[in-house]
Amino acid sequence: FLDEVADMPLETQGKIVRALQDQTFERVGGTRVKVDVRVIAATNRDLTIEIAAGRFREDLYYRLNVVPLHVPPLRQRIEDIPALARHFMLRAAENARLPPREFGDDAIAALQSYEWPGNVRQLKNAVDWTLIMVPAGSDPIRAEMLPAEIGSIAPAVVRWDRGGELMTLPLRDAREVFEREYLFAQI
């Protein structure tokens, strides 16, 4: 698996092309090794643009581009976020030998509201951070317990203490405030 293949220096790209073409490579120390491998490569860049700019070898592109798969960024697949967050929580808890934590509805809404510039890796790191930093017994995890950059952008309606501000208003005003905030969060 060649991760972020577009970040590979041109010299290394040449070595990869030769290894794929000859099905051999030379180990450090001079020993020649024959290989029979399938290669999976990933990148978040448009390799045709990288080729045009001279930053990616065209011959390597055609060797790797046998069965291309396009996976949209996480921000375009927000319906996947709850399942991914739970999966990452289970794995992180298992690795840390801690009990897994549950995410509250407001935390899930906050996770789905975030843009995720770092994609799935950033979501995994946020879940790891949450498991480490949120005190045990704080179940379910609330939006304000998430890393600051995520919890702070959650729509106001999911950060409300439902027993606080809203309950002090007359019913008509509370309904109007809730509807406005709910529609804003949906938009």
Protein backbone atom coordinates (compact mmCIF):
# COMPACT_ATOMS: atom_id res chain seq x y z
CA PHE A 1 0.00 0.00 0.00
CA LEU A 2 1.52 3.29 -1.11
CA ASP A 3 -0.21 6.00 0.90
CA GLU A 4 -0.19 9.58 -0.43
CA VAL A 5 1.71 8.44 -3.52
CA ALA A 6 1.70 12.00 -4.93
CA ASP A 7 3.99 13.09 -2.08
CA MET A 8 6.69 10.65 -3.17
CA PRO A 9 9.88 12.30 -4.53
CA LEU A 10 10.48 11.84 -8.29
CA GLU A 11 13.60 9.76 -7.57
CA THR A 12 11.60 7.31 -5.46
CA GLN A 13 8.86 7.23 -8.10
CA GLY A 14 11.48 6.04 -10.61
CA LYS A 15 12.56 3.25 -8.26
CA ILE A 16 8.96 2.14 -7.82
CA VAL A 17 8.44 2.08 -11.61
CA ARG A 18 11.54 -0.11 -12.05
CA ALA A 19 10.46 -2.46 -9.27
CA LEU A 20 6.99 -2.84 -10.78
CA GLN A 21 8.36 -3.29 -14.30
CA ASP A 22 11.22 -5.70 -13.50
CA GLN A 23 9.48 -7.35 -10.53
CA THR A 24 12.76 -7.08 -8.65
CA PHE A 25 14.47 -4.59 -6.39
CA GLU A 26 17.84 -4.34 -4.71
CA ARG A 27 17.98 -4.40 -0.93
CA VAL A 28 20.38 -2.24 1.01
CA GLY A 29 23.59 -4.23 0.88
CA GLY A 30 23.19 -5.30 -2.72
CA THR A 31 20.96 -8.40 -2.52
CA ARG A 32 18.52 -8.66 -5.46
CA VAL A 33 14.97 -9.71 -4.49
CA LYS A 34 12.28 -10.97 -6.86
CA VAL A 35 8.74 -9.84 -6.03
CA ASP A 36 5.25 -10.69 -7.21
CA VAL A 37 2.97 -8.08 -5.67
CA ARG A 38 -0.25 -6.20 -6.16
CA VAL A 39 0.05 -2.53 -5.38
CA ILE A 40 -2.65 -0.31 -3.94
CA ALA A 41 -1.93 3.41 -3.99
CA ALA A 42 -3.87 6.32 -2.51
CA THR A 43 -3.71 10.07 -2.87
CA ASN A 44 -5.91 13.07 -2.25
CA ARG A 45 -4.50 14.94 -5.25
CA ASP A 46 -5.44 14.89 -8.93
CA LEU A 47 -2.52 12.99 -10.45
CA THR A 48 -3.18 14.31 -13.96
CA ILE A 49 -2.54 17.83 -12.63
CA GLU A 50 0.57 16.59 -10.81
CA ILE A 51 1.84 15.01 -14.07
CA ALA A 52 1.23 18.25 -16.01
CA ALA A 53 3.15 20.17 -13.32
CA GLY A 54 6.07 17.72 -13.52
CA ARG A 55 5.64 16.47 -9.95
CA PHE A 56 4.46 12.94 -10.78
CA ARG A 57 5.80 10.46 -13.32
CA GLU A 58 3.38 9.59 -16.09
CA ASP A 59 4.77 6.05 -16.44
CA LEU A 60 4.10 5.39 -12.74
CA TYR A 61 0.59 6.80 -13.10
CA TYR A 62 -0.24 4.30 -15.87
CA ARG A 63 1.24 1.41 -13.89
CA LEU A 64 -0.86 2.27 -10.85
CA ASN A 65 -4.07 3.37 -12.59
CA VAL A 66 -5.41 -0.12 -13.35
CA VAL A 67 -8.63 -0.03 -11.32
CA PRO A 68 -9.15 3.54 -10.08
CA LEU A 69 -11.57 4.09 -7.20
CA HIS A 70 -12.81 7.52 -6.22
CA VAL A 71 -13.77 7.84 -2.57
CA PRO A 72 -15.47 11.16 -1.80
CA PRO A 73 -14.14 13.13 1.18
CA LEU A 74 -15.80 12.59 4.54
CA ARG A 75 -17.55 15.98 4.39
CA GLN A 76 -19.54 14.60 1.42
CA ARG A 77 -20.47 11.39 3.29
CA ILE A 78 -21.76 12.69 6.61
CA GLU A 79 -24.12 9.73 6.91
CA ASP A 80 -21.00 7.53 7.40
CA ILE A 81 -19.73 9.56 10.37
CA PRO A 82 -21.74 7.89 13.18
CA ALA A 83 -20.68 4.37 12.15
CA LEU A 84 -17.06 5.43 11.64
CA ALA A 85 -16.95 7.24 15.00
CA ARG A 86 -18.33 4.17 16.80
CA HIS A 87 -15.86 1.90 14.96
CA PHE A 88 -12.90 4.12 15.85
CA MET A 89 -14.10 4.32 19.47
CA LEU A 90 -14.25 0.52 19.75
CA ARG A 91 -10.77 0.12 18.25
CA ALA A 92 -9.24 2.89 20.38
CA ALA A 93 -10.85 1.55 23.57
CA GLU A 94 -9.64 -1.96 22.80
CA ASN A 95 -6.08 -0.74 22.13
CA ALA A 96 -6.07 1.36 25.31
CA ARG A 97 -7.76 -1.42 27.33
CA LEU A 98 -10.51 0.98 28.33
CA PRO A 99 -14.27 0.56 28.12
CA PRO A 100 -15.69 2.07 24.92
CA ARG A 101 -17.71 5.25 25.25
CA GLU A 102 -21.02 6.18 23.67
CA PHE A 103 -21.60 9.36 21.69
CA GLY A 104 -24.69 11.41 22.49
CA ASP A 105 -26.93 12.65 19.71
CA ASP A 106 -25.54 16.17 20.12
CA ALA A 107 -21.95 14.88 19.71
CA ILE A 108 -22.92 12.98 16.56
CA ALA A 109 -24.60 16.13 15.21
CA ALA A 110 -21.44 18.12 15.96
CA LEU A 111 -19.27 15.50 14.23
CA GLN A 112 -21.56 15.64 11.20
CA SER A 113 -21.46 19.47 11.15
CA TYR A 114 -17.67 19.64 10.97
CA GLU A 115 -15.94 19.96 7.55
CA TRP A 116 -13.15 17.36 8.23
CA PRO A 117 -10.27 18.88 6.24
CA GLY A 118 -8.12 15.97 7.45
CA ASN A 119 -10.74 13.48 6.31
CA VAL A 120 -11.17 10.08 8.01
CA ARG A 121 -7.75 10.25 9.68
CA GLN A 122 -8.79 13.44 11.45
CA LEU A 123 -12.03 11.80 12.63
CA LYS A 124 -10.03 8.87 14.01
CA ASN A 125 -7.68 11.26 15.83
CA ALA A 126 -10.65 13.20 17.25
CA VAL A 127 -12.18 9.98 18.59
CA ASP A 128 -8.82 8.92 20.08
CA TRP A 129 -8.50 12.36 21.72
CA THR A 130 -12.01 12.08 23.12
CA LEU A 131 -11.36 8.66 24.64
CA ILE A 132 -8.18 9.94 26.32
CA MET A 133 -9.29 13.41 27.41
CA VAL A 134 -12.93 12.97 28.49
CA PRO A 135 -13.16 11.60 32.02
CA ALA A 136 -14.54 8.09 32.43
CA GLY A 137 -18.16 7.98 33.45
CA SER A 138 -19.07 10.93 31.23
CA ASP A 139 -21.41 8.85 29.10
CA PRO A 140 -22.76 9.76 26.74
CA ILE A 141 -20.09 12.00 25.23
CA ARG A 142 -21.59 15.45 24.60
CA ALA A 143 -20.70 17.94 21.84
CA GLU A 144 -18.84 20.23 24.23
CA MET A 145 -16.58 17.30 25.24
CA LEU A 146 -15.24 16.91 21.70
CA PRO A 147 -12.02 18.65 20.60
CA ALA A 148 -12.58 22.43 20.66
CA GLU A 149 -12.46 22.93 16.88
CA ILE A 150 -15.28 20.40 16.46
CA GLY A 151 -17.51 21.03 19.48
CA SER A 152 -17.38 24.80 19.09
CA ILE A 153 -18.82 24.79 15.55
CA ALA A 154 -21.77 22.58 16.42
CA PRO A 155 -25.09 24.28 15.74
CA ALA A 156 -26.35 26.08 18.84
CA VAL A 157 -29.43 23.86 19.00
CA VAL A 158 -27.29 20.77 19.71
CA ARG A 159 -25.22 22.53 22.40
CA TRP A 160 -28.20 23.71 24.45
CA ASP A 161 -28.69 22.53 27.95
CA ARG A 162 -32.26 21.50 27.33
CA GLY A 163 -33.23 22.07 30.95
CA GLY A 164 -31.84 25.60 31.04
CA GLU A 165 -32.46 28.61 28.82
CA LEU A 166 -35.31 27.16 26.76
CA MET A 167 -37.33 26.14 29.81
CA THR A 168 -37.41 29.70 31.16
CA LEU A 169 -39.32 31.00 28.12
CA PRO A 170 -43.08 30.95 27.58
CA LEU A 171 -44.16 28.05 25.36
CA ARG A 172 -44.85 30.20 22.28
CA ASP A 173 -41.42 31.92 22.53
CA ALA A 174 -39.63 28.65 23.26
CA ARG A 175 -41.25 26.99 20.25
CA GLU A 176 -40.26 29.91 18.02
CA VAL A 177 -36.65 29.90 19.28
CA PHE A 178 -36.41 26.14 18.91
CA GLU A 179 -37.88 26.14 15.39
CA ARG A 180 -35.52 28.92 14.27
CA GLU A 181 -32.45 27.15 15.71
CA TYR A 182 -33.61 23.78 14.41
CA LEU A 183 -34.10 25.11 10.86
CA PHE A 184 -30.76 26.94 11.02
CA ALA A 185 -29.04 23.70 12.08
CA GLN A 186 -30.73 21.79 9.27
CA ILE A 187 -29.65 24.35 6.67
